[in-house]
Amino acid sequence: MFTVISLMLTGILAGFLLRRRKLDGVHRLITVLIWGLLFLLGVEVGSNERIIRGLHTLGLEALAIAVAGTLGSVLAAWGLWQIAARRRKEDQA
């Protein structure tokens, strides 16, 4: 844990010191590194027999969580939209 926090703080310090420089290739490098990490995560998951055996169960749970999260977000946004529309009508009247 100390290593992770130290790396993050080092990155923050480096970003602070290099903030005035134009670093064009950094975004491309970050994208490639993220793709690499995702690939390695897939390799790790694919090599774990326990995860592969329970994949059908994990898939159903993930689907349920995704649907519930999406529905909750939609309902919350709809509710806020209704409140904002009501307030707008009151302000115009």
Protein backbone atom coordinates (compact mmCIF):
# COMPACT_ATOMS: atom_id res chain seq x y z
CA MET A 1 0.00 0.00 0.00
CA PHE A 2 2.87 2.33 0.80
CA THR A 3 4.29 1.69 -2.66
CA VAL A 4 1.02 2.64 -4.38
CA ILE A 5 0.66 5.85 -2.37
CA SER A 6 4.32 6.73 -2.94
CA LEU A 7 3.96 6.23 -6.71
CA MET A 8 0.84 8.39 -6.79
CA LEU A 9 2.48 11.17 -4.80
CA THR A 10 5.57 10.98 -7.03
CA GLY A 11 3.33 11.31 -10.09
CA ILE A 12 1.57 14.32 -8.58
CA LEU A 13 4.91 15.95 -7.85
CA ALA A 14 6.18 15.23 -11.38
CA GLY A 15 2.97 16.64 -12.86
CA PHE A 16 3.33 19.76 -10.72
CA LEU A 17 6.94 20.28 -11.77
CA LEU A 18 6.22 19.63 -15.48
CA ARG A 19 2.93 21.55 -15.69
CA ARG A 20 4.37 24.31 -17.88
CA ARG A 21 5.83 21.92 -20.48
CA LYS A 22 3.88 20.72 -23.46
CA LEU A 23 3.70 16.93 -23.22
CA ASP A 24 1.92 15.87 -26.42
CA GLY A 25 2.60 12.14 -26.29
CA VAL A 26 1.47 11.59 -22.71
CA HIS A 27 -2.21 11.02 -23.57
CA ARG A 28 -1.30 8.44 -26.21
CA LEU A 29 1.09 6.70 -23.81
CA ILE A 30 -1.55 6.59 -21.07
CA THR A 31 -4.08 5.08 -23.49
CA VAL A 32 -1.64 2.36 -24.57
CA LEU A 33 -0.74 1.57 -20.95
CA ILE A 34 -4.41 1.29 -19.97
CA TRP A 35 -5.02 -1.09 -22.90
CA GLY A 36 -2.05 -3.14 -21.75
CA LEU A 37 -3.34 -3.28 -18.19
CA LEU A 38 -6.79 -4.35 -19.38
CA PHE A 39 -5.21 -7.09 -21.51
CA LEU A 40 -3.16 -8.34 -18.56
CA LEU A 41 -6.27 -8.28 -16.36
CA GLY A 42 -8.04 -10.42 -18.96
CA VAL A 43 -5.13 -12.87 -19.00
CA GLU A 44 -5.21 -13.08 -15.22
CA VAL A 45 -8.98 -13.66 -15.12
CA GLY A 46 -8.81 -16.19 -17.95
CA SER A 47 -6.13 -18.20 -16.19
CA ASN A 48 -8.08 -18.39 -12.91
CA GLU A 49 -10.10 -21.63 -12.99
CA ARG A 50 -12.32 -20.61 -10.09
CA ILE A 51 -13.47 -17.46 -11.90
CA ILE A 52 -14.00 -19.32 -15.18
CA ARG A 53 -16.09 -22.04 -13.46
CA GLY A 54 -18.32 -19.40 -11.82
CA LEU A 55 -18.48 -17.07 -14.82
CA HIS A 56 -22.16 -17.77 -15.54
CA THR A 57 -23.06 -16.79 -11.97
CA LEU A 58 -20.80 -13.75 -12.02
CA GLY A 59 -22.30 -12.69 -15.34
CA LEU A 60 -25.84 -12.78 -13.96
CA GLU A 61 -24.84 -10.84 -10.85
CA ALA A 62 -22.99 -8.26 -12.96
CA LEU A 63 -26.02 -7.90 -15.23
CA ALA A 64 -28.32 -7.41 -12.25
CA ILE A 65 -26.02 -4.79 -10.73
CA ALA A 66 -25.66 -2.96 -14.06
CA VAL A 67 -29.43 -2.91 -14.66
CA ALA A 68 -30.17 -1.77 -11.11
CA GLY A 69 -27.52 0.94 -11.28
CA THR A 70 -28.79 2.19 -14.63
CA LEU A 71 -32.42 2.21 -13.50
CA GLY A 72 -31.48 4.02 -10.30
CA SER A 73 -29.58 6.66 -12.25
CA VAL A 74 -32.43 7.13 -14.71
CA LEU A 75 -34.99 7.49 -11.91
CA ALA A 76 -32.81 9.96 -10.01
CA ALA A 77 -32.22 12.03 -13.17
CA TRP A 78 -35.95 12.00 -13.98
CA GLY A 79 -36.78 13.13 -10.43
CA LEU A 80 -34.26 15.97 -10.56
CA TRP A 81 -35.58 16.98 -14.00
CA GLN A 82 -39.11 17.17 -12.56
CA ILE A 83 -37.95 19.30 -9.64
CA ALA A 84 -36.02 21.64 -11.95
CA ALA A 85 -39.00 21.97 -14.32
CA ARG A 86 -41.33 22.77 -11.41
CA ARG A 87 -38.96 25.44 -10.10
CA ARG A 88 -38.60 26.93 -13.58
CA LYS A 89 -42.39 27.21 -13.90
CA GLU A 90 -42.60 28.86 -10.46
CA ASP A 91 -39.90 31.39 -11.39
CA GLN A 92 -41.66 32.28 -14.66
CA ALA A 93 -45.05 32.74 -12.97
